[in-house]
Amino acid sequence: MRLVYQSLGTASYVGIESKDENEIVEQYYSLWNHGATGGKLHWMSETFAYISTTPEALEDYFHNSSYHLLLNNYPDTWEGKEETEEFNAEIHKLAEKRLADLMENRETFHSTNPRTFDYSLGKTESHSLDLATQPFDEEAYKQGYEQKQRSAAKLLGD
């Protein structure tokens, strides 16, 4: 798997390239769970997808995920030492290395046309009130139902 970075100024894209679709999805979940993105995964092909993020969110992502990488991959070394300066220094060192590796893989893989830019999870839509719609009136409903029943009974000859 390979991560690719595209800077957009105050925002950026991170591309995920792999021949294994499941690996791309798992990397997306990692980016989502550790706060790098709140948007969706955009597929460009069977082997490439990207997310939108910010440089700050990426930095937070690498620190958060590095914390968990160290604990998950080296539990004998780091478990119980989460609050030590040594552990924090190791997290920072690993996060900086991973971020630097990503920054070396800079490519322009997506058009920055504003019509296709993914800003966030948010969705804006207009809501209008239909002034002709009345709130539900249970008594009026019951009276109308009873009138319909009486009318039906008259038609049937009761």
N, C-alpha and C. Protein backbone atom coordinates (compact mmCIF):
# COMPACT_ATOMS: atom_id res chain seq x y z
N MET A 1 0.84 -1.18 0.00
CA MET A 1 0.00 0.00 0.00
C MET A 1 0.88 1.24 0.00
N ARG A 2 0.37 2.27 -0.67
CA ARG A 2 1.12 3.52 -0.76
C ARG A 2 0.17 4.67 -0.51
N LEU A 3 0.59 5.65 0.33
CA LEU A 3 -0.17 6.87 0.56
C LEU A 3 0.45 7.99 -0.26
N VAL A 4 -0.42 8.82 -0.84
CA VAL A 4 0.02 9.93 -1.69
C VAL A 4 -0.62 11.21 -1.18
N TYR A 5 0.15 12.29 -1.14
CA TYR A 5 -0.32 13.57 -0.61
C TYR A 5 -0.49 14.60 -1.73
N GLN A 6 -1.62 15.31 -1.71
CA GLN A 6 -1.84 16.43 -2.64
C GLN A 6 -2.28 17.62 -1.81
N SER A 7 -1.45 18.66 -1.80
CA SER A 7 -1.76 19.86 -1.04
C SER A 7 -2.73 20.75 -1.80
N LEU A 8 -3.68 21.31 -1.06
CA LEU A 8 -4.64 22.26 -1.63
C LEU A 8 -4.59 23.58 -0.88
N GLY A 9 -3.52 23.82 -0.17
CA GLY A 9 -3.42 25.03 0.64
C GLY A 9 -3.86 24.74 2.06
N THR A 10 -5.06 25.21 2.44
CA THR A 10 -5.55 24.96 3.80
C THR A 10 -6.18 23.58 3.94
N ALA A 11 -6.35 22.89 2.85
CA ALA A 11 -6.88 21.53 2.86
C ALA A 11 -5.94 20.66 2.03
N SER A 12 -6.19 19.37 2.04
CA SER A 12 -5.36 18.48 1.25
C SER A 12 -6.11 17.18 1.00
N TYR A 13 -5.58 16.42 0.06
CA TYR A 13 -6.09 15.08 -0.23
C TYR A 13 -5.01 14.09 0.14
N VAL A 14 -5.44 12.93 0.61
CA VAL A 14 -4.52 11.82 0.83
C VAL A 14 -5.05 10.67 -0.01
N GLY A 15 -4.25 10.25 -0.96
CA GLY A 15 -4.61 9.12 -1.81
C GLY A 15 -4.11 7.83 -1.21
N ILE A 16 -4.88 6.77 -1.41
CA ILE A 16 -4.53 5.45 -0.90
C ILE A 16 -4.48 4.52 -2.11
N GLU A 17 -3.30 3.97 -2.38
CA GLU A 17 -3.13 3.09 -3.53
C GLU A 17 -2.76 1.70 -3.06
N SER A 18 -3.50 0.71 -3.57
CA SER A 18 -3.22 -0.68 -3.24
C SER A 18 -3.95 -1.58 -4.23
N LYS A 19 -3.38 -2.75 -4.47
CA LYS A 19 -4.06 -3.73 -5.32
C LYS A 19 -5.16 -4.45 -4.55
N ASP A 20 -5.15 -4.32 -3.23
CA ASP A 20 -6.14 -4.96 -2.36
C ASP A 20 -7.17 -3.92 -1.90
N GLU A 21 -8.39 -4.04 -2.38
CA GLU A 21 -9.46 -3.09 -2.04
C GLU A 21 -9.71 -3.05 -0.54
N ASN A 22 -9.63 -4.19 0.11
CA ASN A 22 -9.84 -4.26 1.55
C ASN A 22 -8.79 -3.45 2.31
N GLU A 23 -7.57 -3.47 1.82
CA GLU A 23 -6.48 -2.71 2.44
C GLU A 23 -6.76 -1.20 2.35
N ILE A 24 -7.31 -0.76 1.22
CA ILE A 24 -7.67 0.65 1.06
C ILE A 24 -8.76 1.03 2.05
N VAL A 25 -9.77 0.19 2.17
CA VAL A 25 -10.88 0.46 3.09
C VAL A 25 -10.39 0.49 4.53
N GLU A 26 -9.52 -0.44 4.91
CA GLU A 26 -8.99 -0.46 6.27
C GLU A 26 -8.15 0.79 6.56
N GLN A 27 -7.39 1.25 5.57
CA GLN A 27 -6.62 2.48 5.77
C GLN A 27 -7.55 3.67 5.93
N TYR A 28 -8.64 3.69 5.16
CA TYR A 28 -9.64 4.75 5.30
C TYR A 28 -10.22 4.74 6.72
N TYR A 29 -10.56 3.55 7.23
CA TYR A 29 -11.10 3.46 8.58
C TYR A 29 -10.09 3.99 9.60
N SER A 30 -8.82 3.70 9.39
CA SER A 30 -7.79 4.21 10.28
C SER A 30 -7.75 5.74 10.23
N LEU A 31 -7.79 6.29 9.01
CA LEU A 31 -7.79 7.75 8.87
C LEU A 31 -9.03 8.36 9.53
N TRP A 32 -10.16 7.70 9.36
CA TRP A 32 -11.41 8.19 9.97
C TRP A 32 -11.35 8.10 11.49
N ASN A 33 -10.99 6.93 12.00
CA ASN A 33 -11.00 6.70 13.45
C ASN A 33 -10.01 7.56 14.22
N HIS A 34 -8.92 7.92 13.58
CA HIS A 34 -7.91 8.72 14.26
C HIS A 34 -8.02 10.21 13.91
N GLY A 35 -9.13 10.61 13.30
CA GLY A 35 -9.44 12.03 13.13
C GLY A 35 -8.86 12.73 11.92
N ALA A 36 -8.36 12.00 10.94
CA ALA A 36 -7.79 12.66 9.77
C ALA A 36 -8.86 13.16 8.82
N THR A 37 -10.04 12.54 8.86
CA THR A 37 -11.10 12.94 7.94
C THR A 37 -12.46 12.75 8.59
N GLY A 38 -13.40 13.51 8.09
CA GLY A 38 -14.80 13.35 8.47
C GLY A 38 -15.61 13.16 7.21
N GLY A 39 -14.92 13.01 6.08
CA GLY A 39 -15.58 12.87 4.79
C GLY A 39 -15.56 11.45 4.30
N LYS A 40 -16.07 11.27 3.12
CA LYS A 40 -16.17 9.92 2.58
C LYS A 40 -14.92 9.54 1.79
N LEU A 41 -14.84 8.27 1.47
CA LEU A 41 -13.77 7.73 0.65
C LEU A 41 -14.18 7.87 -0.80
N HIS A 42 -13.36 8.53 -1.61
CA HIS A 42 -13.66 8.77 -3.02
C HIS A 42 -12.84 7.80 -3.87
N TRP A 43 -13.52 6.93 -4.58
CA TRP A 43 -12.83 5.95 -5.43
C TRP A 43 -12.57 6.55 -6.80
N MET A 44 -11.33 6.43 -7.27
CA MET A 44 -10.98 6.87 -8.62
C MET A 44 -10.76 5.68 -9.54
N SER A 45 -10.42 4.54 -8.98
CA SER A 45 -10.26 3.29 -9.72
C SER A 45 -10.34 2.14 -8.72
N GLU A 46 -10.16 0.93 -9.20
CA GLU A 46 -10.21 -0.23 -8.30
C GLU A 46 -9.02 -0.27 -7.35
N THR A 47 -7.95 0.44 -7.72
CA THR A 47 -6.74 0.39 -6.91
C THR A 47 -6.37 1.73 -6.26
N PHE A 48 -7.25 2.74 -6.40
CA PHE A 48 -6.90 4.05 -5.86
C PHE A 48 -8.15 4.78 -5.37
N ALA A 49 -8.04 5.32 -4.16
CA ALA A 49 -9.10 6.13 -3.57
C ALA A 49 -8.44 7.25 -2.77
N TYR A 50 -9.19 8.28 -2.41
CA TYR A 50 -8.62 9.37 -1.64
C TYR A 50 -9.63 9.93 -0.65
N ILE A 51 -9.11 10.66 0.33
CA ILE A 51 -9.94 11.37 1.31
C ILE A 51 -9.51 12.83 1.32
N SER A 52 -10.38 13.69 1.83
CA SER A 52 -10.00 15.09 2.03
C SER A 52 -9.71 15.29 3.51
N THR A 53 -8.77 16.16 3.81
CA THR A 53 -8.33 16.39 5.18
C THR A 53 -7.70 17.77 5.28
N THR A 54 -7.10 18.07 6.41
CA THR A 54 -6.33 19.29 6.60
C THR A 54 -4.94 18.91 7.09
N PRO A 55 -3.95 19.76 6.93
CA PRO A 55 -2.61 19.44 7.45
C PRO A 55 -2.61 19.21 8.96
N GLU A 56 -3.42 19.98 9.70
CA GLU A 56 -3.49 19.81 11.15
C GLU A 56 -4.08 18.46 11.52
N ALA A 57 -5.16 18.08 10.81
CA ALA A 57 -5.80 16.79 11.08
C ALA A 57 -4.85 15.64 10.75
N LEU A 58 -4.06 15.80 9.70
CA LEU A 58 -3.08 14.75 9.35
C LEU A 58 -2.02 14.60 10.43
N GLU A 59 -1.55 15.72 10.94
CA GLU A 59 -0.55 15.66 12.01
C GLU A 59 -1.14 14.97 13.24
N ASP A 60 -2.37 15.31 13.60
CA ASP A 60 -3.04 14.65 14.72
C ASP A 60 -3.21 13.16 14.44
N TYR A 61 -3.57 12.84 13.21
CA TYR A 61 -3.75 11.44 12.83
C TYR A 61 -2.46 10.64 13.06
N PHE A 62 -1.35 11.17 12.59
CA PHE A 62 -0.10 10.43 12.72
C PHE A 62 0.32 10.27 14.18
N HIS A 63 0.04 11.26 15.01
CA HIS A 63 0.37 11.10 16.43
C HIS A 63 -0.55 10.08 17.09
N ASN A 64 -1.86 10.18 16.83
CA ASN A 64 -2.81 9.24 17.44
C ASN A 64 -2.57 7.81 16.98
N SER A 65 -2.38 7.64 15.68
CA SER A 65 -2.19 6.28 15.17
C SER A 65 -0.83 5.72 15.56
N SER A 66 0.18 6.57 15.69
CA SER A 66 1.51 6.09 16.12
C SER A 66 1.45 5.59 17.56
N TYR A 67 0.69 6.27 18.39
CA TYR A 67 0.48 5.83 19.77
C TYR A 67 -0.04 4.40 19.78
N HIS A 68 -1.07 4.14 18.97
CA HIS A 68 -1.68 2.82 18.93
C HIS A 68 -0.80 1.79 18.22
N LEU A 69 -0.06 2.22 17.22
CA LEU A 69 0.87 1.29 16.56
C LEU A 69 1.91 0.77 17.54
N LEU A 70 2.47 1.67 18.33
CA LEU A 70 3.49 1.24 19.29
C LEU A 70 2.91 0.30 20.33
N LEU A 71 1.74 0.63 20.84
CA LEU A 71 1.13 -0.25 21.86
C LEU A 71 0.71 -1.60 21.28
N ASN A 72 0.17 -1.59 20.07
CA ASN A 72 -0.30 -2.85 19.47
C ASN A 72 0.84 -3.73 18.96
N ASN A 73 1.88 -3.12 18.39
CA ASN A 73 2.97 -3.90 17.80
C ASN A 73 4.08 -4.26 18.79
N TYR A 74 4.21 -3.46 19.85
CA TYR A 74 5.27 -3.71 20.84
C TYR A 74 4.72 -3.63 22.26
N PRO A 75 3.74 -4.47 22.59
CA PRO A 75 3.14 -4.38 23.92
C PRO A 75 4.13 -4.68 25.05
N ASP A 76 5.07 -5.58 24.82
CA ASP A 76 6.03 -5.92 25.88
C ASP A 76 6.94 -4.73 26.20
N THR A 77 7.22 -3.91 25.21
CA THR A 77 8.10 -2.77 25.41
C THR A 77 7.38 -1.57 26.01
N TRP A 78 6.14 -1.30 25.55
CA TRP A 78 5.50 -0.03 25.89
C TRP A 78 4.30 -0.11 26.83
N GLU A 79 3.72 -1.28 27.00
CA GLU A 79 2.54 -1.38 27.85
C GLU A 79 2.90 -1.00 29.29
N GLY A 80 2.09 -0.10 29.85
CA GLY A 80 2.34 0.40 31.20
C GLY A 80 3.26 1.61 31.24
N LYS A 81 3.83 1.98 30.10
CA LYS A 81 4.74 3.13 30.04
C LYS A 81 4.14 4.28 29.23
N GLU A 82 2.79 4.27 29.07
CA GLU A 82 2.13 5.26 28.21
C GLU A 82 2.32 6.70 28.67
N GLU A 83 2.55 6.90 29.95
CA GLU A 83 2.67 8.26 30.48
C GLU A 83 4.12 8.76 30.58
N THR A 84 5.07 7.97 30.13
CA THR A 84 6.48 8.35 30.28
C THR A 84 6.93 9.28 29.15
N GLU A 85 7.95 10.04 29.45
CA GLU A 85 8.52 10.94 28.43
C GLU A 85 9.16 10.13 27.30
N GLU A 86 9.73 9.00 27.63
CA GLU A 86 10.36 8.14 26.62
C GLU A 86 9.33 7.67 25.60
N PHE A 87 8.15 7.25 26.09
CA PHE A 87 7.09 6.79 25.19
C PHE A 87 6.59 7.94 24.33
N ASN A 88 6.38 9.10 24.93
CA ASN A 88 5.92 10.28 24.17
C ASN A 88 6.94 10.69 23.12
N ALA A 89 8.21 10.59 23.45
CA ALA A 89 9.26 10.93 22.49
C ALA A 89 9.25 9.94 21.32
N GLU A 90 9.03 8.65 21.63
CA GLU A 90 8.99 7.63 20.59
C GLU A 90 7.77 7.85 19.68
N ILE A 91 6.64 8.21 20.26
CA ILE A 91 5.43 8.51 19.47
C ILE A 91 5.72 9.66 18.52
N HIS A 92 6.29 10.72 19.06
CA HIS A 92 6.59 11.91 18.25
C HIS A 92 7.56 11.57 17.12
N LYS A 93 8.58 10.82 17.42
CA LYS A 93 9.58 10.42 16.43
C LYS A 93 8.93 9.59 15.31
N LEU A 94 8.12 8.60 15.67
CA LEU A 94 7.45 7.76 14.68
C LEU A 94 6.45 8.58 13.85
N ALA A 95 5.69 9.45 14.51
CA ALA A 95 4.70 10.27 13.80
C ALA A 95 5.39 11.19 12.80
N GLU A 96 6.48 11.82 13.20
CA GLU A 96 7.21 12.72 12.31
C GLU A 96 7.78 11.97 11.11
N LYS A 97 8.29 10.76 11.34
CA LYS A 97 8.83 9.96 10.24
C LYS A 97 7.73 9.58 9.26
N ARG A 98 6.59 9.13 9.77
CA ARG A 98 5.48 8.72 8.90
C ARG A 98 4.93 9.92 8.12
N LEU A 99 4.83 11.07 8.77
CA LEU A 99 4.36 12.28 8.08
C LEU A 99 5.36 12.72 7.02
N ALA A 100 6.65 12.66 7.33
CA ALA A 100 7.69 13.01 6.35
C ALA A 100 7.64 12.07 5.15
N ASP A 101 7.42 10.78 5.39
CA ASP A 101 7.30 9.82 4.28
C ASP A 101 6.12 10.18 3.38
N LEU A 102 5.00 10.57 3.99
CA LEU A 102 3.84 10.97 3.20
C LEU A 102 4.15 12.22 2.39
N MET A 103 4.81 13.19 2.99
CA MET A 103 5.11 14.44 2.29
C MET A 103 6.06 14.24 1.12
N GLU A 104 6.86 13.19 1.15
CA GLU A 104 7.74 12.87 0.02
C GLU A 104 6.95 12.34 -1.17
N ASN A 105 5.80 11.76 -0.91
CA ASN A 105 4.96 11.19 -1.97
C ASN A 105 3.90 12.19 -2.40
N ARG A 106 4.33 13.31 -2.93
CA ARG A 106 3.40 14.35 -3.39
C ARG A 106 3.10 14.16 -4.86
N GLU A 107 1.81 14.14 -5.16
CA GLU A 107 1.35 14.04 -6.55
C GLU A 107 0.07 14.82 -6.70
N THR A 108 -0.19 15.26 -7.91
CA THR A 108 -1.49 15.85 -8.22
C THR A 108 -2.29 14.77 -8.92
N PHE A 109 -3.22 14.21 -8.19
CA PHE A 109 -4.00 13.10 -8.74
C PHE A 109 -5.46 13.47 -8.94
N HIS A 110 -5.87 14.64 -8.46
CA HIS A 110 -7.28 15.02 -8.58
C HIS A 110 -7.38 16.49 -8.94
N SER A 111 -8.32 16.81 -9.81
CA SER A 111 -8.58 18.20 -10.18
C SER A 111 -9.07 18.96 -8.96
N THR A 112 -8.67 20.21 -8.85
CA THR A 112 -9.12 21.04 -7.73
C THR A 112 -10.29 21.92 -8.15
N ASN A 113 -11.03 21.48 -9.14
CA ASN A 113 -12.23 22.18 -9.57
C ASN A 113 -13.16 22.32 -8.37
N PRO A 114 -13.60 23.54 -8.02
CA PRO A 114 -14.42 23.73 -6.82
C PRO A 114 -15.72 22.93 -6.81
N ARG A 115 -16.23 22.56 -7.96
CA ARG A 115 -17.48 21.82 -8.01
C ARG A 115 -17.34 20.39 -7.50
N THR A 116 -16.11 19.87 -7.45
CA THR A 116 -15.93 18.49 -7.01
C THR A 116 -15.23 18.40 -5.66
N PHE A 117 -14.96 19.51 -5.00
CA PHE A 117 -14.22 19.50 -3.75
C PHE A 117 -15.10 19.00 -2.60
N ASP A 118 -14.57 18.10 -1.80
CA ASP A 118 -15.29 17.53 -0.66
C ASP A 118 -14.91 18.33 0.58
N TYR A 119 -15.82 19.13 1.09
CA TYR A 119 -15.50 19.99 2.23
C TYR A 119 -15.58 19.27 3.56
N SER A 120 -16.63 18.52 3.81
CA SER A 120 -16.78 17.85 5.09
C SER A 120 -17.95 16.89 5.04
N LEU A 121 -18.29 16.38 6.21
CA LEU A 121 -19.44 15.51 6.31
C LEU A 121 -20.75 16.28 6.21
N GLY A 122 -20.70 17.57 6.50
CA GLY A 122 -21.92 18.37 6.56
C GLY A 122 -22.71 18.37 5.27
N LYS A 123 -24.01 18.55 5.42
CA LYS A 123 -24.90 18.58 4.27
C LYS A 123 -25.86 19.73 4.47
N THR A 124 -25.99 20.57 3.49
CA THR A 124 -26.89 21.70 3.58
C THR A 124 -28.03 21.50 2.61
N GLU A 125 -29.22 21.65 3.09
CA GLU A 125 -30.39 21.57 2.22
C GLU A 125 -31.44 22.51 2.75
N SER A 126 -32.24 23.04 1.86
CA SER A 126 -33.27 23.98 2.29
C SER A 126 -34.50 23.23 2.76
N HIS A 127 -35.13 23.78 3.74
CA HIS A 127 -36.38 23.24 4.24
C HIS A 127 -37.43 24.33 4.13
N SER A 128 -38.58 24.01 3.57
CA SER A 128 -39.65 24.99 3.51
C SER A 128 -40.88 24.40 4.17
N LEU A 129 -41.62 25.26 4.82
CA LEU A 129 -42.84 24.82 5.47
C LEU A 129 -44.00 24.97 4.51
N ASP A 130 -44.76 23.92 4.39
CA ASP A 130 -45.95 23.98 3.56
C ASP A 130 -47.06 24.55 4.44
N LEU A 131 -47.42 25.80 4.21
CA LEU A 131 -48.38 26.47 5.07
C LEU A 131 -49.77 25.89 4.93
N ALA A 132 -50.04 25.14 3.87
CA ALA A 132 -51.35 24.53 3.69
C ALA A 132 -51.48 23.27 4.54
N THR A 133 -50.39 22.75 5.03
CA THR A 133 -50.43 21.54 5.84
C THR A 133 -50.83 21.91 7.26
N GLN A 134 -51.83 21.24 7.76
CA GLN A 134 -52.32 21.48 9.12
C GLN A 134 -51.78 20.38 10.04
N PRO A 135 -51.60 20.71 11.30
CA PRO A 135 -51.18 19.66 12.23
C PRO A 135 -52.29 18.61 12.40
N PHE A 136 -51.92 17.44 12.80
CA PHE A 136 -52.88 16.35 12.97
C PHE A 136 -53.84 16.67 14.12
N ASP A 137 -55.13 16.60 13.83
CA ASP A 137 -56.16 16.84 14.83
C ASP A 137 -56.91 15.52 15.02
N GLU A 138 -56.66 14.88 16.15
CA GLU A 138 -57.23 13.56 16.38
C GLU A 138 -58.75 13.59 16.44
N GLU A 139 -59.34 14.61 17.08
CA GLU A 139 -60.80 14.69 17.19
C GLU A 139 -61.45 14.86 15.82
N ALA A 140 -60.89 15.71 14.98
CA ALA A 140 -61.43 15.90 13.64
C ALA A 140 -61.32 14.61 12.85
N TYR A 141 -60.23 13.88 13.04
CA TYR A 141 -60.05 12.61 12.36
C TYR A 141 -61.13 11.62 12.78
N LYS A 142 -61.36 11.53 14.09
CA LYS A 142 -62.37 10.60 14.60
C LYS A 142 -63.76 10.96 14.07
N GLN A 143 -64.10 12.26 14.08
CA GLN A 143 -65.41 12.68 13.60
C GLN A 143 -65.56 12.39 12.12
N GLY A 144 -64.52 12.64 11.36
CA GLY A 144 -64.56 12.35 9.93
C GLY A 144 -64.69 10.86 9.68
N TYR A 145 -64.02 10.03 10.47
CA TYR A 145 -64.10 8.57 10.34
C TYR A 145 -65.52 8.10 10.66
N GLU A 146 -66.10 8.64 11.73
CA GLU A 146 -67.46 8.25 12.10
C GLU A 146 -68.47 8.65 11.02
N GLN A 147 -68.26 9.84 10.42
CA GLN A 147 -69.16 10.28 9.34
C GLN A 147 -69.03 9.36 8.14
N LYS A 148 -67.83 8.93 7.82
CA LYS A 148 -67.63 8.01 6.70
C LYS A 148 -68.31 6.67 6.98
N GLN A 149 -68.24 6.21 8.22
CA GLN A 149 -68.88 4.94 8.58
C GLN A 149 -70.41 5.05 8.44
N ARG A 150 -70.99 6.20 8.90
CA ARG A 150 -72.44 6.39 8.79
C ARG A 150 -72.85 6.45 7.32
N SER A 151 -72.08 7.17 6.49
CA SER A 151 -72.38 7.28 5.06
C SER A 151 -72.31 5.92 4.39
N ALA A 152 -71.32 5.13 4.73
CA ALA A 152 -71.19 3.79 4.16
C ALA A 152 -72.35 2.90 4.57
N ALA A 153 -72.79 3.03 5.82
CA ALA A 153 -73.91 2.23 6.30
C ALA A 153 -75.20 2.60 5.57
N LYS A 154 -75.40 3.90 5.29
CA LYS A 154 -76.60 4.34 4.57
C LYS A 154 -76.59 3.79 3.16
N LEU A 155 -75.43 3.78 2.53
CA LEU A 155 -75.33 3.27 1.16
C LEU A 155 -75.63 1.78 1.11
N LEU A 156 -75.24 1.07 2.13
CA LEU A 156 -75.46 -0.37 2.16
C LEU A 156 -76.87 -0.74 2.62
N GLY A 157 -77.63 0.27 3.07
CA GLY A 157 -79.01 0.06 3.42
C GLY A 157 -79.23 -0.36 4.85
N ASP A 158 -78.36 -0.05 5.74
CA ASP A 158 -78.57 -0.39 7.15
C ASP A 158 -79.45 0.61 7.82
